[in-house]
């Protein structure tokens, strides 16, 4: 067993929780939360529970496979719940958990920023694309 100095422990802990490093648990979570389908599903559920069919209409462009994978990932991460109601046909509802709802203010801020700055981004892209190739 190797003993570490206090400085070595601080460095180890700093690296362990630095989301810029691939080995950090936060790195994995940031990657998952930045997925566009995750963002769109969370946004769709912001106003309350929805059935799978409703989600598939709202989250336009997501294949059935992608939507199902995204819902499972969010359920596994504790951001939404899946409730099955026995009926004919079976009813499945998805709803945000408290943890999922806690992401909404951050998500809304990013959405507002994007809507406010889209013209500037388009202008920057056009200027970049118009530059002569190196």
C-alpha atoms as a PDB file:
ATOM      1  CA  UNK A   1       0.000   0.000   0.000  1.00  0.00           C
ATOM      2  CA  UNK A   2       1.403   3.361  -1.059  1.00  0.00           C
ATOM      3  CA  UNK A   3       0.870   6.425   1.054  1.00  0.00           C
ATOM      4  CA  UNK A   4       0.108   9.733  -0.607  1.00  0.00           C
ATOM      5  CA  UNK A   5       0.971  13.152   0.586  1.00  0.00           C
ATOM      6  CA  UNK A   6      -1.796  15.690   1.039  1.00  0.00           C
ATOM      7  CA  UNK A   7      -0.647  17.424  -2.159  1.00  0.00           C
ATOM      8  CA  UNK A   8      -0.807  14.164  -4.109  1.00  0.00           C
ATOM      9  CA  UNK A   9      -4.316  13.486  -2.796  1.00  0.00           C
ATOM     10  CA  UNK A  10      -5.436  16.996  -3.801  1.00  0.00           C
ATOM     11  CA  UNK A  11      -3.990  16.500  -7.296  1.00  0.00           C
ATOM     12  CA  UNK A  12      -5.681  13.099  -7.619  1.00  0.00           C
ATOM     13  CA  UNK A  13      -9.011  14.572  -6.499  1.00  0.00           C
ATOM     14  CA  UNK A  14      -8.610  17.565  -8.826  1.00  0.00           C
ATOM     15  CA  UNK A  15      -8.085  15.237 -11.775  1.00  0.00           C
ATOM     16  CA  UNK A  16     -10.869  12.906 -10.718  1.00  0.00           C
ATOM     17  CA  UNK A  17     -13.459  15.710 -10.843  1.00  0.00           C
ATOM     18  CA  UNK A  18     -12.218  17.757 -13.783  1.00  0.00           C
ATOM     19  CA  UNK A  19     -14.893  17.383 -16.458  1.00  0.00           C
ATOM     20  CA  UNK A  20     -12.323  18.261 -19.128  1.00  0.00           C
ATOM     21  CA  UNK A  21     -10.581  14.947 -18.491  1.00  0.00           C
ATOM     22  CA  UNK A  22     -12.014  11.829 -20.129  1.00  0.00           C
ATOM     23  CA  UNK A  23     -11.697   9.784 -16.926  1.00  0.00           C
ATOM     24  CA  UNK A  24     -13.791  12.181 -14.851  1.00  0.00           C
ATOM     25  CA  UNK A  25     -17.337  11.039 -14.004  1.00  0.00           C
ATOM     26  CA  UNK A  26     -18.562  14.535 -14.894  1.00  0.00           C
ATOM     27  CA  UNK A  27     -17.098  14.207 -18.403  1.00  0.00           C
ATOM     28  CA  UNK A  28     -19.397  11.277 -19.152  1.00  0.00           C
ATOM     29  CA  UNK A  29     -22.440  13.086 -17.774  1.00  0.00           C
ATOM     30  CA  UNK A  30     -21.693  16.267 -19.727  1.00  0.00           C
ATOM     31  CA  UNK A  31     -21.396  14.216 -22.902  1.00  0.00           C
ATOM     32  CA  UNK A  32     -24.761  12.579 -22.213  1.00  0.00           C
ATOM     33  CA  UNK A  33     -26.510  15.863 -21.386  1.00  0.00           C
ATOM     34  CA  UNK A  34     -25.180  17.614 -24.484  1.00  0.00           C
ATOM     35  CA  UNK A  35     -26.764  15.046 -26.804  1.00  0.00           C
ATOM     36  CA  UNK A  36     -29.348  16.815 -28.975  1.00  0.00           C
ATOM     37  CA  UNK A  37     -31.979  14.104 -28.469  1.00  0.00           C
ATOM     38  CA  UNK A  38     -31.594  14.356 -24.679  1.00  0.00           C
ATOM     39  CA  UNK A  39     -32.097  18.110 -24.898  1.00  0.00           C
ATOM     40  CA  UNK A  40     -35.174  17.762 -27.100  1.00  0.00           C
ATOM     41  CA  UNK A  41     -36.785  15.056 -24.932  1.00  0.00           C
ATOM     42  CA  UNK A  42     -36.217  17.030 -21.722  1.00  0.00           C
ATOM     43  CA  UNK A  43     -37.682  20.109 -23.380  1.00  0.00           C
ATOM     44  CA  UNK A  44     -40.709  18.144 -24.607  1.00  0.00           C
ATOM     45  CA  UNK A  45     -41.388  16.844 -21.094  1.00  0.00           C
ATOM     46  CA  UNK A  46     -41.005  20.268 -19.449  1.00  0.00           C
ATOM     47  CA  UNK A  47     -44.767  20.875 -19.457  1.00  0.00           C
ATOM     48  CA  UNK A  48     -45.695  17.481 -18.037  1.00  0.00           C
ATOM     49  CA  UNK A  49     -45.878  13.756 -18.762  1.00  0.00           C
ATOM     50  CA  UNK A  50     -46.261  12.503 -22.315  1.00  0.00           C
ATOM     51  CA  UNK A  51     -46.945   9.198 -23.988  1.00  0.00           C
ATOM     52  CA  UNK A  52     -44.392   7.695 -26.370  1.00  0.00           C
ATOM     53  CA  UNK A  53     -46.454   8.600 -29.451  1.00  0.00           C
ATOM     54  CA  UNK A  54     -46.727  12.223 -28.340  1.00  0.00           C
ATOM     55  CA  UNK A  55     -42.982  12.375 -27.725  1.00  0.00           C
ATOM     56  CA  UNK A  56     -42.236  10.922 -31.154  1.00  0.00           C
ATOM     57  CA  UNK A  57     -44.352  13.646 -32.794  1.00  0.00           C
ATOM     58  CA  UNK A  58     -42.802  16.461 -30.734  1.00  0.00           C
ATOM     59  CA  UNK A  59     -39.205  15.246 -31.084  1.00  0.00           C
ATOM     60  CA  UNK A  60     -39.327  15.381 -34.862  1.00  0.00           C
ATOM     61  CA  UNK A  61     -36.532  13.639 -36.696  1.00  0.00           C
ATOM     62  CA  UNK A  62     -35.741  11.106 -33.998  1.00  0.00           C
ATOM     63  CA  UNK A  63     -36.035   7.551 -35.231  1.00  0.00           C
ATOM     64  CA  UNK A  64     -37.955   5.092 -33.086  1.00  0.00           C
ATOM     65  CA  UNK A  65     -34.661   3.439 -32.127  1.00  0.00           C
ATOM     66  CA  UNK A  66     -33.004   6.752 -31.190  1.00  0.00           C
ATOM     67  CA  UNK A  67     -35.987   7.954 -29.168  1.00  0.00           C
ATOM     68  CA  UNK A  68     -36.203   4.636 -27.314  1.00  0.00           C
ATOM     69  CA  UNK A  69     -32.462   4.648 -26.559  1.00  0.00           C
ATOM     70  CA  UNK A  70     -32.644   8.250 -25.345  1.00  0.00           C
ATOM     71  CA  UNK A  71     -35.615   7.537 -23.077  1.00  0.00           C
ATOM     72  CA  UNK A  72     -33.868   4.505 -21.584  1.00  0.00           C
ATOM     73  CA  UNK A  73     -30.686   6.513 -20.998  1.00  0.00           C
ATOM     74  CA  UNK A  74     -32.631   9.299 -19.270  1.00  0.00           C
ATOM     75  CA  UNK A  75     -34.520   6.804 -17.139  1.00  0.00           C
ATOM     76  CA  UNK A  76     -31.270   5.069 -16.161  1.00  0.00           C
ATOM     77  CA  UNK A  77     -29.716   8.426 -15.223  1.00  0.00           C
ATOM     78  CA  UNK A  78     -32.715   9.245 -13.027  1.00  0.00           C
ATOM     79  CA  UNK A  79     -33.910  12.173 -15.136  1.00  0.00           C
ATOM     80  CA  UNK A  80     -37.279  10.718 -16.099  1.00  0.00           C
ATOM     81  CA  UNK A  81     -39.702   8.024 -15.065  1.00  0.00           C
ATOM     82  CA  UNK A  82     -41.486   5.509 -17.249  1.00  0.00           C
ATOM     83  CA  UNK A  83     -44.938   4.484 -16.040  1.00  0.00           C
ATOM     84  CA  UNK A  84     -46.725   1.540 -17.633  1.00  0.00           C
ATOM     85  CA  UNK A  85     -50.507   1.400 -17.222  1.00  0.00           C
ATOM     86  CA  UNK A  86     -52.096  -1.929 -18.123  1.00  0.00           C
ATOM     87  CA  UNK A  87     -54.725  -1.254 -20.752  1.00  0.00           C
ATOM     88  CA  UNK A  88     -55.522  -2.270 -24.300  1.00  0.00           C
ATOM     89  CA  UNK A  89     -53.243  -1.075 -25.769  1.00  0.00           C
ATOM     90  CA  UNK A  90     -50.737  -0.684 -22.942  1.00  0.00           C
ATOM     91  CA  UNK A  91     -50.251   2.949 -21.943  1.00  0.00           C
ATOM     92  CA  UNK A  92     -46.694   4.161 -21.289  1.00  0.00           C
ATOM     93  CA  UNK A  93     -46.098   7.652 -19.916  1.00  0.00           C
ATOM     94  CA  UNK A  94     -42.806   9.477 -19.454  1.00  0.00           C
ATOM     95  CA  UNK A  95     -42.305  12.290 -16.950  1.00  0.00           C
ATOM     96  CA  UNK A  96     -39.376  14.271 -15.609  1.00  0.00           C
ATOM     97  CA  UNK A  97     -38.144  13.511 -12.121  1.00  0.00           C
ATOM     98  CA  UNK A  98     -37.088  16.255  -9.727  1.00  0.00           C
ATOM     99  CA  UNK A  99     -33.534  15.756 -10.970  1.00  0.00           C
ATOM    100  CA  UNK A 100     -34.680  16.153 -14.579  1.00  0.00           C
ATOM    101  CA  UNK A 101     -36.686  19.258 -13.719  1.00  0.00           C
ATOM    102  CA  UNK A 102     -33.610  20.785 -12.076  1.00  0.00           C
ATOM    103  CA  UNK A 103     -31.967  20.846 -15.540  1.00  0.00           C
ATOM    104  CA  UNK A 104     -34.736  22.897 -17.134  1.00  0.00           C
ATOM    105  CA  UNK A 105     -33.501  26.372 -16.072  1.00  0.00           C
ATOM    106  CA  UNK A 106     -30.055  25.615 -17.522  1.00  0.00           C
ATOM    107  CA  UNK A 107     -31.562  24.212 -20.694  1.00  0.00           C
ATOM    108  CA  UNK A 108     -33.872  27.215 -21.089  1.00  0.00           C
ATOM    109  CA  UNK A 109     -30.937  29.598 -20.628  1.00  0.00           C
ATOM    110  CA  UNK A 110     -28.992  27.851 -23.407  1.00  0.00           C
ATOM    111  CA  UNK A 111     -32.066  27.878 -25.665  1.00  0.00           C
ATOM    112  CA  UNK A 112     -32.583  31.608 -25.037  1.00  0.00           C
ATOM    113  CA  UNK A 113     -28.911  32.299 -25.713  1.00  0.00           C
ATOM    114  CA  UNK A 114     -29.089  30.362 -28.992  1.00  0.00           C
ATOM    115  CA  UNK A 115     -32.229  32.186 -30.127  1.00  0.00           C
ATOM    116  CA  UNK A 116     -30.733  35.567 -29.191  1.00  0.00           C
ATOM    117  CA  UNK A 117     -27.370  34.994 -30.891  1.00  0.00           C
ATOM    118  CA  UNK A 118     -28.231  32.886 -33.943  1.00  0.00           C
ATOM    119  CA  UNK A 119     -27.826  35.811 -36.361  1.00  0.00           C
ATOM    120  CA  UNK A 120     -24.361  36.568 -34.962  1.00  0.00           C
ATOM    121  CA  UNK A 121     -23.383  32.921 -35.341  1.00  0.00           C
ATOM    122  CA  UNK A 122     -24.684  32.858 -38.920  1.00  0.00           C
ATOM    123  CA  UNK A 123     -22.680  36.027 -39.637  1.00  0.00           C
ATOM    124  CA  UNK A 124     -19.521  34.530 -38.140  1.00  0.00           C
ATOM    125  CA  UNK A 125     -19.984  31.347 -40.174  1.00  0.00           C
ATOM    126  CA  UNK A 126     -20.479  33.310 -43.389  1.00  0.00           C
ATOM    127  CA  UNK A 127     -17.358  35.404 -42.694  1.00  0.00           C
ATOM    128  CA  UNK A 128     -15.326  32.282 -41.927  1.00  0.00           C
ATOM    129  CA  UNK A 129     -16.567  30.471 -45.033  1.00  0.00           C
ATOM    130  CA  UNK A 130     -15.770  33.515 -47.218  1.00  0.00           C
ATOM    131  CA  UNK A 131     -12.118  33.602 -46.143  1.00  0.00           C
ATOM    132  CA  UNK A 132      -9.566  32.340 -48.621  1.00  0.00           C
ATOM    133  CA  UNK A 133      -8.353  28.818 -47.929  1.00  0.00           C
ATOM    134  CA  UNK A 134      -4.966  28.655 -46.151  1.00  0.00           C
END
